[in-house]
Amino acid sequence: MLKKLVVFISSGLLLLNLCGCRSLLFATAGGVVGGVGTAMWLSGKLTQEFNASYDRTVLATESALKSFNFVIARESREAYVTTFRSHYFDGKEIWIDVRRIAETSTKVEVRVGAVNPDKEACSKILERINQYL
């Protein structure tokens, strides 16, 4: 998959270079780099859906973080999304998003660490949230 992506991007950049339009080349390269960065960010998240109400899942997430003795550095609530920020034992930042899908269904996304995300830590947090549900 990654090899195909690199070949595709390289081909596109070479084609633009042949046209002689350098400003378009740099704009396209910047967009590609941004897109790859976003894809890598999203690939570091673990996601799980729970058959529980939104409010109940938010409370379970708070309880799970507190059970690990993680201090909730920031919490923001919107209509159907609650975001938690904390720090893992090794200092990596924790991002948790709780999203309402339906009346009795929620999706929880967990990421631990901006660079080299720790999927094992994400899995432990998701398991603990499930225990509190």
N, C-alpha and C. Protein backbone atom coordinates (compact mmCIF):
# COMPACT_ATOMS: atom_id res chain seq x y z
N MET A 1 0.83 -1.19 0.00
CA MET A 1 0.00 0.00 0.00
C MET A 1 0.88 1.25 0.00
N LEU A 2 1.86 1.29 0.90
CA LEU A 2 2.73 2.44 1.00
C LEU A 2 3.54 2.60 -0.28
N LYS A 3 4.00 1.48 -0.86
CA LYS A 3 4.78 1.53 -2.09
C LYS A 3 3.94 2.12 -3.23
N LYS A 4 2.67 1.71 -3.31
CA LYS A 4 1.79 2.25 -4.35
C LYS A 4 1.57 3.74 -4.16
N LEU A 5 1.43 4.16 -2.90
CA LEU A 5 1.23 5.58 -2.60
C LEU A 5 2.44 6.38 -3.02
N VAL A 6 3.64 5.90 -2.72
CA VAL A 6 4.88 6.60 -3.09
C VAL A 6 5.01 6.68 -4.60
N VAL A 7 4.72 5.59 -5.31
CA VAL A 7 4.80 5.59 -6.77
C VAL A 7 3.80 6.58 -7.35
N PHE A 8 2.59 6.59 -6.82
CA PHE A 8 1.55 7.51 -7.31
C PHE A 8 1.97 8.96 -7.10
N ILE A 9 2.46 9.28 -5.91
CA ILE A 9 2.86 10.65 -5.61
C ILE A 9 4.05 11.06 -6.47
N SER A 10 5.03 10.17 -6.58
CA SER A 10 6.21 10.48 -7.40
C SER A 10 5.82 10.71 -8.86
N SER A 11 4.94 9.88 -9.36
CA SER A 11 4.49 10.04 -10.76
C SER A 11 3.81 11.38 -10.96
N GLY A 12 2.97 11.74 -10.04
CA GLY A 12 2.28 13.03 -10.14
C GLY A 12 3.24 14.19 -10.09
N LEU A 13 4.22 14.11 -9.20
CA LEU A 13 5.20 15.19 -9.09
C LEU A 13 6.06 15.29 -10.35
N LEU A 14 6.45 14.15 -10.91
CA LEU A 14 7.23 14.17 -12.14
C LEU A 14 6.42 14.77 -13.30
N LEU A 15 5.17 14.42 -13.37
CA LEU A 15 4.30 14.96 -14.42
C LEU A 15 4.19 16.48 -14.29
N LEU A 16 4.01 16.96 -13.08
CA LEU A 16 3.93 18.41 -12.88
C LEU A 16 5.26 19.08 -13.19
N ASN A 17 6.35 18.43 -12.88
CA ASN A 17 7.66 18.99 -13.16
C ASN A 17 7.89 19.12 -14.66
N LEU A 18 7.40 18.16 -15.44
CA LEU A 18 7.52 18.23 -16.89
C LEU A 18 6.75 19.42 -17.46
N CYS A 19 5.69 19.80 -16.80
CA CYS A 19 4.89 20.94 -17.26
C CYS A 19 5.60 22.26 -16.98
N GLY A 20 6.54 22.27 -16.07
CA GLY A 20 7.30 23.48 -15.79
C GLY A 20 6.62 24.41 -14.81
N CYS A 21 5.60 24.00 -14.18
CA CYS A 21 4.88 24.87 -13.26
C CYS A 21 5.33 24.57 -11.84
N ARG A 22 6.37 25.25 -11.39
CA ARG A 22 6.95 24.94 -10.09
C ARG A 22 6.06 25.34 -8.93
N SER A 23 5.35 26.43 -9.05
CA SER A 23 4.50 26.84 -7.93
C SER A 23 3.39 25.81 -7.70
N LEU A 24 2.85 25.29 -8.79
CA LEU A 24 1.84 24.24 -8.67
C LEU A 24 2.46 22.98 -8.08
N LEU A 25 3.69 22.70 -8.46
CA LEU A 25 4.40 21.54 -7.93
C LEU A 25 4.55 21.65 -6.42
N PHE A 26 4.98 22.80 -5.94
CA PHE A 26 5.18 22.96 -4.50
C PHE A 26 3.85 22.92 -3.75
N ALA A 27 2.82 23.50 -4.34
CA ALA A 27 1.51 23.46 -3.69
C ALA A 27 0.99 22.02 -3.61
N THR A 28 1.18 21.28 -4.69
CA THR A 28 0.74 19.89 -4.70
C THR A 28 1.55 19.06 -3.71
N ALA A 29 2.85 19.27 -3.68
CA ALA A 29 3.70 18.52 -2.75
C ALA A 29 3.30 18.83 -1.31
N GLY A 30 3.00 20.08 -1.01
CA GLY A 30 2.56 20.45 0.33
C GLY A 30 1.26 19.77 0.70
N GLY A 31 0.35 19.70 -0.25
CA GLY A 31 -0.93 19.03 0.00
C GLY A 31 -0.76 17.54 0.22
N VAL A 32 0.14 16.94 -0.54
CA VAL A 32 0.40 15.51 -0.40
C VAL A 32 1.01 15.22 0.97
N VAL A 33 1.98 16.04 1.37
CA VAL A 33 2.62 15.84 2.67
C VAL A 33 1.59 15.99 3.79
N GLY A 34 0.71 16.98 3.67
CA GLY A 34 -0.34 17.16 4.67
C GLY A 34 -1.28 15.97 4.71
N GLY A 35 -1.62 15.45 3.55
CA GLY A 35 -2.51 14.29 3.49
C GLY A 35 -1.89 13.05 4.09
N VAL A 36 -0.62 12.84 3.82
CA VAL A 36 0.08 11.69 4.39
C VAL A 36 0.18 11.84 5.90
N GLY A 37 0.45 13.06 6.37
CA GLY A 37 0.51 13.30 7.82
C GLY A 37 -0.82 13.01 8.49
N THR A 38 -1.90 13.41 7.87
CA THR A 38 -3.23 13.14 8.42
C THR A 38 -3.52 11.65 8.44
N ALA A 39 -3.16 10.97 7.37
CA ALA A 39 -3.38 9.52 7.32
C ALA A 39 -2.58 8.81 8.41
N MET A 40 -1.35 9.25 8.64
CA MET A 40 -0.54 8.63 9.68
C MET A 40 -1.12 8.92 11.06
N TRP A 41 -1.63 10.14 11.26
CA TRP A 41 -2.25 10.49 12.55
C TRP A 41 -3.45 9.58 12.82
N LEU A 42 -4.28 9.43 11.82
CA LEU A 42 -5.48 8.61 11.98
C LEU A 42 -5.13 7.13 12.15
N SER A 43 -4.06 6.68 11.55
CA SER A 43 -3.70 5.27 11.68
C SER A 43 -3.19 4.93 13.08
N GLY A 44 -2.83 5.92 13.87
CA GLY A 44 -2.37 5.68 15.23
C GLY A 44 -3.49 5.59 16.25
N LYS A 45 -4.71 5.83 15.83
CA LYS A 45 -5.86 5.78 16.74
C LYS A 45 -6.46 4.39 16.77
N LEU A 46 -6.96 4.02 17.94
CA LEU A 46 -7.79 2.81 18.03
C LEU A 46 -9.22 3.27 18.27
N THR A 47 -10.15 2.64 17.62
CA THR A 47 -11.55 3.03 17.70
C THR A 47 -12.38 1.81 18.10
N GLN A 48 -13.35 2.08 18.97
CA GLN A 48 -14.27 1.01 19.36
C GLN A 48 -15.66 1.61 19.55
N GLU A 49 -16.66 0.87 19.09
CA GLU A 49 -18.04 1.28 19.30
C GLU A 49 -18.60 0.53 20.50
N PHE A 50 -19.39 1.24 21.29
CA PHE A 50 -20.00 0.65 22.48
C PHE A 50 -21.51 0.79 22.39
N ASN A 51 -22.22 -0.23 22.86
CA ASN A 51 -23.68 -0.17 22.95
C ASN A 51 -24.05 0.44 24.29
N ALA A 52 -23.85 1.73 24.38
CA ALA A 52 -24.15 2.47 25.61
C ALA A 52 -24.47 3.91 25.22
N SER A 53 -25.22 4.58 26.06
CA SER A 53 -25.58 5.96 25.77
C SER A 53 -24.34 6.84 25.81
N TYR A 54 -24.45 7.98 25.18
CA TYR A 54 -23.35 8.94 25.12
C TYR A 54 -22.93 9.38 26.52
N ASP A 55 -23.88 9.79 27.35
CA ASP A 55 -23.56 10.26 28.70
C ASP A 55 -22.90 9.18 29.54
N ARG A 56 -23.41 7.97 29.42
CA ARG A 56 -22.85 6.85 30.19
C ARG A 56 -21.42 6.54 29.74
N THR A 57 -21.15 6.65 28.44
CA THR A 57 -19.80 6.40 27.92
C THR A 57 -18.83 7.49 28.36
N VAL A 58 -19.31 8.73 28.39
CA VAL A 58 -18.45 9.84 28.87
C VAL A 58 -18.07 9.59 30.33
N LEU A 59 -19.04 9.20 31.16
CA LEU A 59 -18.74 8.92 32.57
C LEU A 59 -17.79 7.73 32.71
N ALA A 60 -17.97 6.71 31.90
CA ALA A 60 -17.09 5.54 31.94
C ALA A 60 -15.66 5.92 31.53
N THR A 61 -15.54 6.81 30.56
CA THR A 61 -14.22 7.27 30.13
C THR A 61 -13.52 8.04 31.24
N GLU A 62 -14.25 8.94 31.90
CA GLU A 62 -13.69 9.68 33.04
C GLU A 62 -13.24 8.71 34.13
N SER A 63 -14.08 7.75 34.44
CA SER A 63 -13.76 6.77 35.49
C SER A 63 -12.54 5.94 35.11
N ALA A 64 -12.45 5.56 33.85
CA ALA A 64 -11.31 4.77 33.39
C ALA A 64 -10.01 5.56 33.54
N LEU A 65 -10.03 6.82 33.14
CA LEU A 65 -8.82 7.65 33.26
C LEU A 65 -8.43 7.81 34.72
N LYS A 66 -9.41 8.05 35.57
CA LYS A 66 -9.12 8.23 37.00
C LYS A 66 -8.62 6.93 37.63
N SER A 67 -9.10 5.78 37.15
CA SER A 67 -8.66 4.50 37.71
C SER A 67 -7.19 4.24 37.42
N PHE A 68 -6.67 4.80 36.33
CA PHE A 68 -5.25 4.70 36.02
C PHE A 68 -4.44 5.79 36.74
N ASN A 69 -5.14 6.66 37.47
CA ASN A 69 -4.52 7.83 38.13
C ASN A 69 -3.99 8.84 37.11
N PHE A 70 -4.64 8.91 35.95
CA PHE A 70 -4.29 9.92 34.96
C PHE A 70 -5.06 11.20 35.31
N VAL A 71 -4.36 12.30 35.31
CA VAL A 71 -5.00 13.59 35.55
C VAL A 71 -5.60 14.06 34.23
N ILE A 72 -6.86 14.43 34.24
CA ILE A 72 -7.50 14.95 33.03
C ILE A 72 -7.05 16.40 32.87
N ALA A 73 -6.16 16.62 31.90
CA ALA A 73 -5.60 17.94 31.68
C ALA A 73 -6.61 18.88 31.02
N ARG A 74 -7.44 18.31 30.16
CA ARG A 74 -8.43 19.13 29.47
C ARG A 74 -9.61 18.26 29.08
N GLU A 75 -10.79 18.82 29.21
CA GLU A 75 -12.01 18.16 28.79
C GLU A 75 -12.88 19.20 28.10
N SER A 76 -13.33 18.88 26.92
CA SER A 76 -14.23 19.80 26.21
C SER A 76 -15.44 19.03 25.72
N ARG A 77 -16.60 19.63 25.93
CA ARG A 77 -17.86 18.99 25.53
C ARG A 77 -18.57 19.85 24.51
N GLU A 78 -19.00 19.18 23.47
CA GLU A 78 -19.85 19.82 22.47
C GLU A 78 -21.14 19.02 22.44
N ALA A 79 -21.98 19.27 21.47
CA ALA A 79 -23.28 18.61 21.43
C ALA A 79 -23.17 17.09 21.47
N TYR A 80 -22.35 16.51 20.60
CA TYR A 80 -22.28 15.06 20.51
C TYR A 80 -20.84 14.54 20.52
N VAL A 81 -19.91 15.36 21.01
CA VAL A 81 -18.51 14.93 21.10
C VAL A 81 -17.92 15.46 22.40
N THR A 82 -17.29 14.58 23.15
CA THR A 82 -16.53 14.99 24.33
C THR A 82 -15.09 14.56 24.11
N THR A 83 -14.16 15.48 24.35
CA THR A 83 -12.75 15.24 24.14
C THR A 83 -12.02 15.31 25.48
N PHE A 84 -11.17 14.33 25.72
CA PHE A 84 -10.34 14.29 26.92
C PHE A 84 -8.87 14.34 26.51
N ARG A 85 -8.07 15.06 27.29
CA ARG A 85 -6.62 15.08 27.11
C ARG A 85 -5.99 14.75 28.45
N SER A 86 -4.98 13.89 28.41
CA SER A 86 -4.29 13.50 29.63
C SER A 86 -2.88 13.08 29.24
N HIS A 87 -2.15 12.50 30.18
CA HIS A 87 -0.79 12.01 29.89
C HIS A 87 -0.64 10.60 30.43
N TYR A 88 0.01 9.76 29.62
CA TYR A 88 0.24 8.37 29.98
C TYR A 88 1.40 8.29 30.97
N PHE A 89 1.64 7.11 31.51
CA PHE A 89 2.69 6.91 32.51
C PHE A 89 4.05 7.39 32.03
N ASP A 90 4.34 7.17 30.75
CA ASP A 90 5.66 7.54 30.21
C ASP A 90 5.71 8.98 29.69
N GLY A 91 4.64 9.75 29.93
CA GLY A 91 4.62 11.16 29.52
C GLY A 91 3.96 11.42 28.18
N LYS A 92 3.66 10.37 27.42
CA LYS A 92 3.00 10.57 26.12
C LYS A 92 1.61 11.13 26.35
N GLU A 93 1.19 12.00 25.42
CA GLU A 93 -0.13 12.60 25.54
C GLU A 93 -1.21 11.60 25.11
N ILE A 94 -2.34 11.67 25.81
CA ILE A 94 -3.50 10.83 25.52
C ILE A 94 -4.59 11.72 24.94
N TRP A 95 -5.15 11.31 23.80
CA TRP A 95 -6.30 11.98 23.20
C TRP A 95 -7.44 10.97 23.17
N ILE A 96 -8.58 11.34 23.71
CA ILE A 96 -9.76 10.46 23.67
C ILE A 96 -10.94 11.29 23.19
N ASP A 97 -11.62 10.80 22.17
CA ASP A 97 -12.84 11.43 21.66
C ASP A 97 -13.99 10.45 21.84
N VAL A 98 -15.05 10.91 22.49
CA VAL A 98 -16.26 10.11 22.66
C VAL A 98 -17.32 10.76 21.77
N ARG A 99 -17.85 10.00 20.81
CA ARG A 99 -18.82 10.53 19.85
C ARG A 99 -20.14 9.77 19.96
N ARG A 100 -21.21 10.51 19.94
CA ARG A 100 -22.55 9.90 19.92
C ARG A 100 -22.85 9.46 18.51
N ILE A 101 -23.23 8.20 18.36
CA ILE A 101 -23.64 7.68 17.05
C ILE A 101 -25.15 7.63 16.97
N ALA A 102 -25.76 7.06 18.01
CA ALA A 102 -27.21 6.96 18.10
C ALA A 102 -27.58 7.05 19.58
N GLU A 103 -28.85 6.89 19.88
CA GLU A 103 -29.31 7.01 21.27
C GLU A 103 -28.58 6.06 22.21
N THR A 104 -28.32 4.85 21.75
CA THR A 104 -27.66 3.86 22.62
C THR A 104 -26.36 3.34 22.00
N SER A 105 -25.68 4.17 21.25
CA SER A 105 -24.45 3.75 20.61
C SER A 105 -23.45 4.91 20.58
N THR A 106 -22.21 4.61 20.96
CA THR A 106 -21.16 5.63 20.94
C THR A 106 -19.90 5.05 20.33
N LYS A 107 -19.04 5.94 19.84
CA LYS A 107 -17.75 5.55 19.29
C LYS A 107 -16.68 6.26 20.11
N VAL A 108 -15.68 5.50 20.56
CA VAL A 108 -14.58 6.06 21.34
C VAL A 108 -13.29 5.88 20.54
N GLU A 109 -12.57 6.99 20.33
CA GLU A 109 -11.29 6.96 19.63
C GLU A 109 -10.21 7.32 20.64
N VAL A 110 -9.16 6.50 20.70
CA VAL A 110 -8.08 6.72 21.66
C VAL A 110 -6.75 6.74 20.91
N ARG A 111 -5.93 7.71 21.26
CA ARG A 111 -4.56 7.79 20.73
C ARG A 111 -3.64 8.12 21.88
N VAL A 112 -2.52 7.40 21.98
CA VAL A 112 -1.52 7.67 23.00
C VAL A 112 -0.20 7.94 22.28
N GLY A 113 0.25 9.18 22.34
CA GLY A 113 1.51 9.57 21.72
C GLY A 113 1.30 10.14 20.33
N ALA A 114 1.95 11.28 20.08
CA ALA A 114 1.83 11.92 18.77
C ALA A 114 2.74 11.24 17.75
N VAL A 115 3.95 10.90 18.17
CA VAL A 115 4.89 10.20 17.30
C VAL A 115 5.05 8.79 17.85
N ASN A 116 5.05 7.81 16.99
CA ASN A 116 5.09 6.41 17.42
C ASN A 116 3.98 6.11 18.42
N PRO A 117 2.73 6.17 18.00
CA PRO A 117 1.62 5.94 18.92
C PRO A 117 1.67 4.55 19.55
N ASP A 118 1.27 4.50 20.80
CA ASP A 118 1.30 3.26 21.58
C ASP A 118 -0.07 2.60 21.53
N LYS A 119 -0.23 1.67 20.60
CA LYS A 119 -1.53 1.01 20.42
C LYS A 119 -1.86 0.07 21.57
N GLU A 120 -0.85 -0.47 22.22
CA GLU A 120 -1.11 -1.32 23.39
C GLU A 120 -1.72 -0.50 24.52
N ALA A 121 -1.21 0.71 24.71
CA ALA A 121 -1.77 1.60 25.74
C ALA A 121 -3.19 1.99 25.37
N CYS A 122 -3.44 2.25 24.09
CA CYS A 122 -4.80 2.58 23.64
C CYS A 122 -5.75 1.43 23.95
N SER A 123 -5.29 0.23 23.67
CA SER A 123 -6.11 -0.95 23.92
C SER A 123 -6.45 -1.11 25.41
N LYS A 124 -5.47 -0.86 26.27
CA LYS A 124 -5.71 -0.95 27.72
C LYS A 124 -6.75 0.07 28.16
N ILE A 125 -6.68 1.27 27.62
CA ILE A 125 -7.64 2.31 27.99
C ILE A 125 -9.04 1.93 27.51
N LEU A 126 -9.15 1.43 26.28
CA LEU A 126 -10.45 1.00 25.76
C LEU A 126 -11.03 -0.15 26.59
N GLU A 127 -10.18 -1.08 26.99
CA GLU A 127 -10.65 -2.19 27.84
C GLU A 127 -11.19 -1.68 29.17
N ARG A 128 -10.50 -0.70 29.75
CA ARG A 128 -10.94 -0.16 31.03
C ARG A 128 -12.26 0.60 30.88
N ILE A 129 -12.41 1.33 29.78
CA ILE A 129 -13.69 2.02 29.53
C ILE A 129 -14.80 0.98 29.44
N ASN A 130 -14.54 -0.11 28.73
CA ASN A 130 -15.54 -1.18 28.60
C ASN A 130 -15.90 -1.77 29.97
N GLN A 131 -14.93 -1.90 30.85
CA GLN A 131 -15.20 -2.42 32.20
C GLN A 131 -16.15 -1.50 32.97
N TYR A 132 -16.00 -0.20 32.78
CA TYR A 132 -16.85 0.76 33.50
C TYR A 132 -18.24 0.89 32.88
N LEU A 133 -18.41 0.35 31.70
CA LEU A 133 -19.74 0.36 31.08
C LEU A 133 -20.53 -0.83 31.56
